[in-house]
Each structure stands twice: as structure tokens, then as C-alpha cells.
Amino acid sequence: MLEFLQQAITGLMIGSLYSLVAAGIVLVYKSTHVVSLAHGQLVAFGALFFWFFFGSFGWPLWASLIPAFILTAAIGLLIERLALRPLIGQPLFAAFLMTFAVFITLEGIFVLYLKGETRALPAFLPEGNIALGGLSVPVNQMVSFLVAVLLFIALSLVFKFTKVGLGMRATAEDHRLAQGTGITVRKIFSYVWVLSGLVATVAGIAIAGVMDIYYMLPYIGINGLIVAICGGLDSLSGAFVVGLLLGVVENVGAGYLDPLVGGGVKDVVSYIVLLMVLLVRPYGLFGLTRIERI
């Protein structure tokens, strides 16, 4: 039982990182109805920018965060302005494919810069473990978990109580009706991608705090997309809950099944969960079921 709890707690810590990645994807979808495949690159570049100033230049932590946030948000804004804004009014599938093209382009830049090497951040989170009744939790993972909780609370408050958040919700429902109430839809799109870049930076830094920056880092966006789809692409709370659950299922499944099958369980569990959820709840476990009357 103790071993199971240890596996589950470790999975919760990992799942919080998945939730952070999924948050940016949900933000974009809630306001634009575009499923973004490019978000994994924003996460990777957010981590890389932070390493560049903190690990390479040796700037203080707080000073390194500022340019990392600004540069990643700028990439998000450029994606919206140059790649997606010309597609306004076009089928959503065209925008979906454009985000894939952006992902491939940014991946080339990311891999070209790394040149197959790995970048390791200097330790910036508290080290050691927290003992909880025979269980051990790394402090850095606990900090990342708490950051994820606080970020989701902040995003929920933004959507519910701020003017920009209300504009995002209105735009997500109907662009024309939102414009009729005085909301500038194009500005909302820009705000969403900037906010998505900021969230991606937090996710990238949190992930880089527990693993190295290497060429496969952008593909954590796939895990985030799976979490967002399973939780409901329009549900922030769903992204948080499902991210934690997926982390637990992956870690516990790998812990008990890897010795039996020779490994690799963690690589396929998320896709099995995605398939099962889509068969039962196509809109996600917490997503809104939309009914169209003809």
C-alpha cells in the first residue's frame, strides 16, 4: 500500500506539469476555438529563454524571468499576427494545420540551436525531500505542484471577473455577437496568445526545474493536448483534474506493469486513456456538450 501511495504522489507531481501545459491549449481554444499544436514549442522556448539568461548569463532569478516572459509572449503574439490572423473567417481546420506548420518551423529553430546537446538549469528550486508518514516527496516537485494550483486559480479568476476574461468568453461563444457588444475580437485573439505564452513560460520553467532542456522537450505539448482533450478543451478545471489523474495513471501503471511487459507502459497509457475518454465523452470529461439544431 505504501508503495502504491508513493507512486500515486509522484504521479500527482508529474501530472501537475501536464496540467500547466494543457492550460495554455485550453486558453487558446476557449477564446478562438482553435486547437493549437504549437503550444509545446512555446513551453520549450520559455524554458530555453529562462536558461539563456539564468543559466548562461548568470542573471538573478527574478531578472531572468522578465525577458523569458516577454520573449515567449512575443512569440505567441507573432504566431497570432503572422500565421493565424490571416485565417480569420477560414475553416478552423486550416488554423489547426497552421499551428502544426508553426510547430515544425519552431522545432527546426529549437533543434538547430541545441545541436543535439542538453541544457541543464542551475538549481533554483529548494532541494531535498519532504517526509510524509513514510512517503517521500521532492521539494522541487512540490513547489511546481503549488505553482500549478495557484496558476489555475489565477486563470479562473481572470476569466470570471476581469473585462478581458469576459471578452474572451464572449468571443468564444460567437465572434459576431461579441463584436456587436463592442468587443474587438482581434485584440482578444492577441491577448489570448500573449497570455498563452506567459502560461507556457511558467510551464517550461517548472518542467526545466525537474528535467533537462533537450530536443524532445517540445513534444510534452502532446501530453498537454491529450490532457486538454480528455478534460474538455473549454474547461480549465478539467485540464487541471485530468492532468493530475493522467500523471497518477501513468506512474502507477509504469510502476506495476513495466516489470511484467519489459517497459514502455508510460509511453502508451496516455493514448489509451485518450481513446477511452473519446469513446465515452467526445467533448471531454468536463467539456460542454454542444447541441446544434438544424
Protein backbone atom coordinates (compact mmCIF):
# COMPACT_ATOMS: atom_id res chain seq x y z
CA MET A 1 0.00 0.00 0.00
CA LEU A 2 2.83 2.37 0.87
CA GLU A 3 4.45 1.71 -2.50
CA PHE A 4 1.18 2.48 -4.29
CA LEU A 5 0.80 5.77 -2.42
CA GLN A 6 4.37 6.74 -3.26
CA GLN A 7 3.76 6.02 -6.94
CA ALA A 8 0.50 7.97 -6.84
CA ILE A 9 2.03 11.03 -5.16
CA THR A 10 4.89 11.09 -7.66
CA GLY A 11 2.29 10.83 -10.42
CA LEU A 12 0.43 13.83 -8.99
CA MET A 13 3.60 15.89 -9.13
CA ILE A 14 4.21 14.88 -12.76
CA GLY A 15 0.56 15.40 -13.63
CA SER A 16 0.68 18.99 -12.40
CA LEU A 17 3.24 19.68 -15.14
CA TYR A 18 0.89 18.18 -17.73
CA SER A 19 -1.86 20.43 -16.39
CA LEU A 20 0.33 23.51 -16.80
CA VAL A 21 0.99 22.62 -20.43
CA ALA A 22 -2.70 21.92 -21.06
CA ALA A 23 -3.72 25.27 -19.56
CA GLY A 24 -2.30 27.24 -22.48
CA ILE A 25 -4.03 24.99 -25.03
CA VAL A 26 -7.35 25.42 -23.23
CA LEU A 27 -6.89 29.21 -23.09
CA VAL A 28 -6.48 29.41 -26.86
CA TYR A 29 -9.39 27.09 -27.57
CA LYS A 30 -11.76 28.79 -25.10
CA SER A 31 -11.35 32.09 -26.93
CA THR A 32 -10.69 31.15 -30.56
CA HIS A 33 -11.93 27.54 -30.96
CA VAL A 34 -8.54 26.75 -32.50
CA VAL A 35 -6.80 23.61 -31.22
CA SER A 36 -3.15 24.65 -31.01
CA LEU A 37 -0.40 22.16 -31.75
CA ALA A 38 2.23 24.89 -31.40
CA HIS A 39 1.94 25.20 -27.64
CA GLY A 40 4.67 22.65 -26.93
CA GLN A 41 7.12 24.94 -28.70
CA LEU A 42 6.09 27.89 -26.53
CA VAL A 43 6.79 25.73 -23.48
CA ALA A 44 10.20 24.72 -24.85
CA PHE A 45 11.22 28.25 -25.81
CA GLY A 46 10.02 29.59 -22.46
CA ALA A 47 12.38 27.15 -20.73
CA LEU A 48 15.18 27.92 -23.18
CA PHE A 49 14.89 31.69 -22.76
CA PHE A 50 14.97 31.29 -18.99
CA TRP A 51 18.07 29.09 -19.24
CA PHE A 52 19.69 31.61 -21.58
CA PHE A 53 19.54 34.43 -19.03
CA PHE A 54 19.67 32.46 -15.77
CA GLY A 55 21.98 29.58 -16.67
CA SER A 56 24.14 31.11 -19.40
CA PHE A 57 24.38 34.79 -18.48
CA GLY A 58 24.06 34.15 -14.74
CA TRP A 59 21.39 36.77 -14.18
CA PRO A 60 19.44 36.67 -10.89
CA LEU A 61 16.28 34.56 -10.87
CA TRP A 62 13.85 37.48 -10.87
CA ALA A 63 15.74 39.30 -13.62
CA SER A 64 15.80 36.17 -15.80
CA LEU A 65 12.06 35.70 -15.52
CA ILE A 66 11.23 39.08 -17.07
CA PRO A 67 12.89 38.60 -20.51
CA ALA A 68 11.76 34.95 -20.59
CA PHE A 69 8.13 36.03 -20.16
CA ILE A 70 8.45 38.89 -22.65
CA LEU A 71 10.17 36.86 -25.38
CA THR A 72 7.81 33.87 -25.12
CA ALA A 73 4.76 36.15 -25.11
CA ALA A 74 6.23 37.87 -28.18
CA ILE A 75 6.45 34.51 -29.99
CA GLY A 76 2.81 33.86 -29.10
CA LEU A 77 1.83 37.28 -30.44
CA LEU A 78 3.79 36.72 -33.67
CA ILE A 79 2.06 33.36 -34.17
CA GLU A 80 -1.31 35.06 -33.88
CA ARG A 81 -0.44 38.06 -36.06
CA LEU A 82 1.52 36.38 -38.84
CA ALA A 83 0.09 32.86 -39.01
CA LEU A 84 -3.43 32.81 -37.64
CA ARG A 85 -4.90 36.28 -38.16
CA PRO A 86 -4.89 35.92 -41.98
CA LEU A 87 -7.02 32.79 -41.50
CA ILE A 88 -9.85 34.53 -39.66
CA GLY A 89 -13.06 33.51 -41.41
CA GLN A 90 -11.48 30.40 -42.87
CA PRO A 91 -12.34 26.84 -41.72
CA LEU A 92 -10.97 26.03 -38.28
CA PHE A 93 -9.16 23.04 -39.71
CA ALA A 94 -6.97 25.43 -41.71
CA ALA A 95 -5.94 27.16 -38.48
CA PHE A 96 -5.31 23.77 -36.88
CA LEU A 97 -2.96 22.82 -39.73
CA MET A 98 -1.27 26.21 -39.47
CA THR A 99 -0.42 25.56 -35.81
CA PHE A 100 1.15 22.29 -36.92
CA ALA A 101 3.22 24.16 -39.51
CA VAL A 102 4.29 26.61 -36.79
CA PHE A 103 5.28 23.70 -34.56
CA ILE A 104 7.50 22.20 -37.27
CA THR A 105 9.10 25.57 -38.05
CA LEU A 106 9.88 26.36 -34.43
CA GLU A 107 11.12 22.83 -33.87
CA GLY A 108 13.71 23.36 -36.59
CA ILE A 109 14.92 26.52 -34.87
CA PHE A 110 14.93 24.83 -31.46
CA VAL A 111 16.89 21.78 -32.64
CA LEU A 112 19.27 23.95 -34.68
CA TYR A 113 20.15 25.95 -31.59
CA LEU A 114 20.60 22.94 -29.31
CA LYS A 115 22.63 20.99 -31.91
CA GLY A 116 21.80 17.73 -30.16
CA GLU A 117 23.12 18.96 -26.81
CA THR A 118 21.34 19.23 -23.47
CA ARG A 119 20.94 22.37 -21.40
CA ALA A 120 20.68 21.92 -17.63
CA LEU A 121 19.40 24.71 -15.43
CA PRO A 122 21.31 25.54 -12.25
CA ALA A 123 19.28 24.55 -9.20
CA PHE A 124 16.82 27.34 -8.45
CA LEU A 125 14.16 25.42 -6.51
CA PRO A 126 14.60 24.12 -2.96
CA GLU A 127 16.27 20.72 -2.88
CA GLY A 128 15.71 17.74 -0.63
CA ASN A 129 12.62 15.70 0.20
CA ILE A 130 9.59 16.12 2.41
CA ALA A 131 8.81 13.07 4.56
CA LEU A 132 5.10 12.35 4.98
CA GLY A 133 4.46 9.27 7.09
CA GLY A 134 6.93 7.07 5.27
CA LEU A 135 6.38 8.76 1.92
CA SER A 136 8.97 10.99 0.26
CA VAL A 137 8.12 13.99 -1.92
CA PRO A 138 10.86 16.03 -3.67
CA VAL A 139 10.61 19.67 -2.64
CA ASN A 140 11.11 20.97 -6.19
CA GLN A 141 8.21 18.88 -7.46
CA MET A 142 6.04 20.07 -4.59
CA VAL A 143 6.85 23.68 -5.49
CA SER A 144 5.88 23.02 -9.12
CA PHE A 145 2.61 21.46 -7.93
CA LEU A 146 1.77 24.51 -5.80
CA VAL A 147 2.62 26.83 -8.69
CA ALA A 148 0.22 24.88 -10.91
CA VAL A 149 -2.56 25.19 -8.32
CA LEU A 150 -2.03 28.94 -7.92
CA LEU A 151 -1.86 29.48 -11.68
CA PHE A 152 -5.16 27.69 -12.29
CA ILE A 153 -6.83 29.70 -9.54
CA ALA A 154 -5.48 32.93 -11.08
CA LEU A 155 -6.65 31.97 -14.60
CA SER A 156 -10.12 31.09 -13.31
CA LEU A 157 -10.37 34.49 -11.61
CA VAL A 158 -9.21 36.24 -14.79
CA PHE A 159 -11.90 34.51 -16.86
CA LYS A 160 -14.69 35.19 -14.37
CA PHE A 161 -14.00 38.68 -13.02
CA THR A 162 -11.89 40.71 -15.46
CA LYS A 163 -13.00 42.63 -18.53
CA VAL A 164 -10.50 40.81 -20.73
CA GLY A 165 -11.68 37.46 -19.37
CA LEU A 166 -15.32 38.28 -20.07
CA GLY A 167 -14.31 39.38 -23.57
CA MET A 168 -12.58 36.04 -24.09
CA ARG A 169 -15.68 34.14 -23.01
CA ALA A 170 -17.94 36.22 -25.23
CA THR A 171 -15.61 35.81 -28.21
CA ALA A 172 -15.54 32.07 -27.72
CA GLU A 173 -19.34 31.89 -27.94
CA ASP A 174 -19.85 33.96 -31.08
CA HIS A 175 -17.45 36.35 -32.80
CA ARG A 176 -20.15 38.45 -34.46
CA LEU A 177 -22.22 38.86 -31.32
CA ALA A 178 -19.07 39.78 -29.39
CA GLN A 179 -18.26 42.47 -31.96
CA GLY A 180 -21.83 43.74 -31.69
CA THR A 181 -21.28 44.42 -27.99
CA GLY A 182 -18.17 46.49 -28.68
CA ILE A 183 -15.54 43.80 -28.15
CA THR A 184 -12.60 43.92 -30.57
CA VAL A 185 -12.21 40.27 -31.48
CA ARG A 186 -8.75 40.68 -32.99
CA LYS A 187 -7.45 42.27 -29.80
CA ILE A 188 -8.91 39.41 -27.79
CA PHE A 189 -7.08 36.93 -30.02
CA SER A 190 -3.83 38.81 -29.39
CA TYR A 191 -4.41 38.89 -25.64
CA VAL A 192 -5.12 35.15 -25.63
CA TRP A 193 -1.89 34.23 -27.40
CA VAL A 194 0.15 36.55 -25.19
CA LEU A 195 -1.45 35.04 -22.09
CA SER A 196 -0.87 31.57 -23.52
CA GLY A 197 2.81 32.44 -23.97
CA LEU A 198 3.07 33.60 -20.35
CA VAL A 199 1.45 30.39 -19.10
CA ALA A 200 3.76 28.36 -21.35
CA THR A 201 6.77 30.10 -19.81
CA VAL A 202 5.65 29.09 -16.33
CA ALA A 203 5.16 25.52 -17.55
CA GLY A 204 8.54 25.46 -19.31
CA ILE A 205 10.41 26.76 -16.27
CA ALA A 206 8.62 24.30 -13.97
CA ILE A 207 9.43 21.41 -16.31
CA ALA A 208 13.05 22.53 -16.73
CA GLY A 209 13.34 22.58 -12.95
CA VAL A 210 12.86 18.80 -12.81
CA MET A 211 14.34 17.72 -16.15
CA ASP A 212 16.88 18.97 -18.68
CA ILE A 213 16.18 21.02 -21.78
CA TYR A 214 16.71 18.79 -24.81
CA TYR A 215 15.34 18.28 -28.32
CA MET A 216 12.31 16.23 -27.20
CA LEU A 217 11.04 18.87 -24.75
CA PRO A 218 8.52 20.43 -27.21
CA TYR A 219 6.75 17.09 -27.50
CA ILE A 220 5.46 17.45 -23.96
CA GLY A 221 2.87 19.56 -25.76
CA ILE A 222 1.34 16.29 -26.96
CA ASN A 223 0.77 15.26 -23.34
CA GLY A 224 -0.77 18.64 -22.72
CA LEU A 225 -3.05 18.25 -25.72
CA ILE A 226 -4.17 14.82 -24.52
CA VAL A 227 -4.97 16.28 -21.10
CA ALA A 228 -6.87 19.19 -22.66
CA ILE A 229 -8.94 16.89 -24.90
CA CYS A 230 -9.71 14.43 -22.09
CA GLY A 231 -10.62 17.19 -19.66
CA GLY A 232 -12.58 19.21 -22.21
CA LEU A 233 -10.97 21.78 -24.47
CA ASP A 234 -13.11 24.52 -22.94
CA SER A 235 -12.56 23.56 -19.30
CA LEU A 236 -9.64 24.86 -17.22
CA SER A 237 -10.73 22.84 -14.21
CA GLY A 238 -10.92 19.75 -16.41
CA ALA A 239 -7.35 20.32 -17.61
CA PHE A 240 -6.13 20.52 -14.01
CA VAL A 241 -8.00 17.46 -12.73
CA VAL A 242 -7.29 15.24 -15.74
CA GLY A 243 -3.63 16.27 -15.76
CA LEU A 244 -3.26 15.03 -12.19
CA LEU A 245 -5.20 11.84 -12.94
CA LEU A 246 -3.14 11.11 -16.05
CA GLY A 247 0.08 11.58 -14.11
CA VAL A 248 -1.10 9.10 -11.48
CA VAL A 249 -2.29 6.54 -14.05
CA GLU A 250 0.97 6.78 -15.99
CA ASN A 251 3.23 6.49 -12.96
CA VAL A 252 1.29 3.74 -11.19
CA GLY A 253 0.82 1.82 -14.43
CA ALA A 254 4.53 2.02 -15.24
CA GLY A 255 5.48 1.06 -11.70
CA TYR A 256 3.42 -2.14 -11.67
CA LEU A 257 3.31 -3.15 -15.35
CA ASP A 258 6.79 -2.27 -16.62
CA PRO A 259 8.40 -5.25 -14.81
CA LEU A 260 5.83 -7.53 -16.43
CA VAL A 261 6.00 -6.28 -20.02
CA GLY A 262 9.58 -5.05 -20.16
CA GLY A 263 8.90 -1.29 -20.01
CA GLY A 264 7.27 1.35 -22.17
CA VAL A 265 3.92 1.43 -20.38
CA LYS A 266 4.17 5.15 -19.64
CA ASP A 267 4.55 5.91 -23.35
CA VAL A 268 1.21 4.34 -24.31
CA VAL A 269 -1.00 4.83 -21.25
CA SER A 270 -1.94 8.41 -22.15
CA TYR A 271 -3.11 7.36 -25.63
CA ILE A 272 -5.19 4.51 -24.20
CA VAL A 273 -6.81 6.94 -21.76
CA LEU A 274 -7.49 9.37 -24.63
CA LEU A 275 -9.16 6.65 -26.70
CA MET A 276 -11.34 5.52 -23.81
CA VAL A 277 -12.45 9.06 -22.94
CA LEU A 278 -13.28 9.93 -26.55
CA LEU A 279 -15.39 6.79 -26.88
CA VAL A 280 -17.43 7.70 -23.80
CA ARG A 281 -17.29 11.51 -23.71
CA PRO A 282 -16.24 13.03 -27.07
CA TYR A 283 -16.35 16.52 -25.57
CA GLY A 284 -14.12 15.54 -22.63
CA LEU A 285 -14.92 14.62 -19.06
CA PHE A 286 -15.60 18.24 -18.07
CA GLY A 287 -16.33 19.73 -21.50
CA LEU A 288 -19.60 21.28 -22.55
CA THR A 289 -21.78 19.17 -24.84
CA ARG A 290 -22.93 21.44 -27.65
CA ILE A 291 -26.25 20.71 -29.28
CA GLU A 292 -26.85 22.06 -32.78
CA ARG A 293 -30.40 22.45 -34.00
CA ILE A 294 -30.94 22.29 -37.73
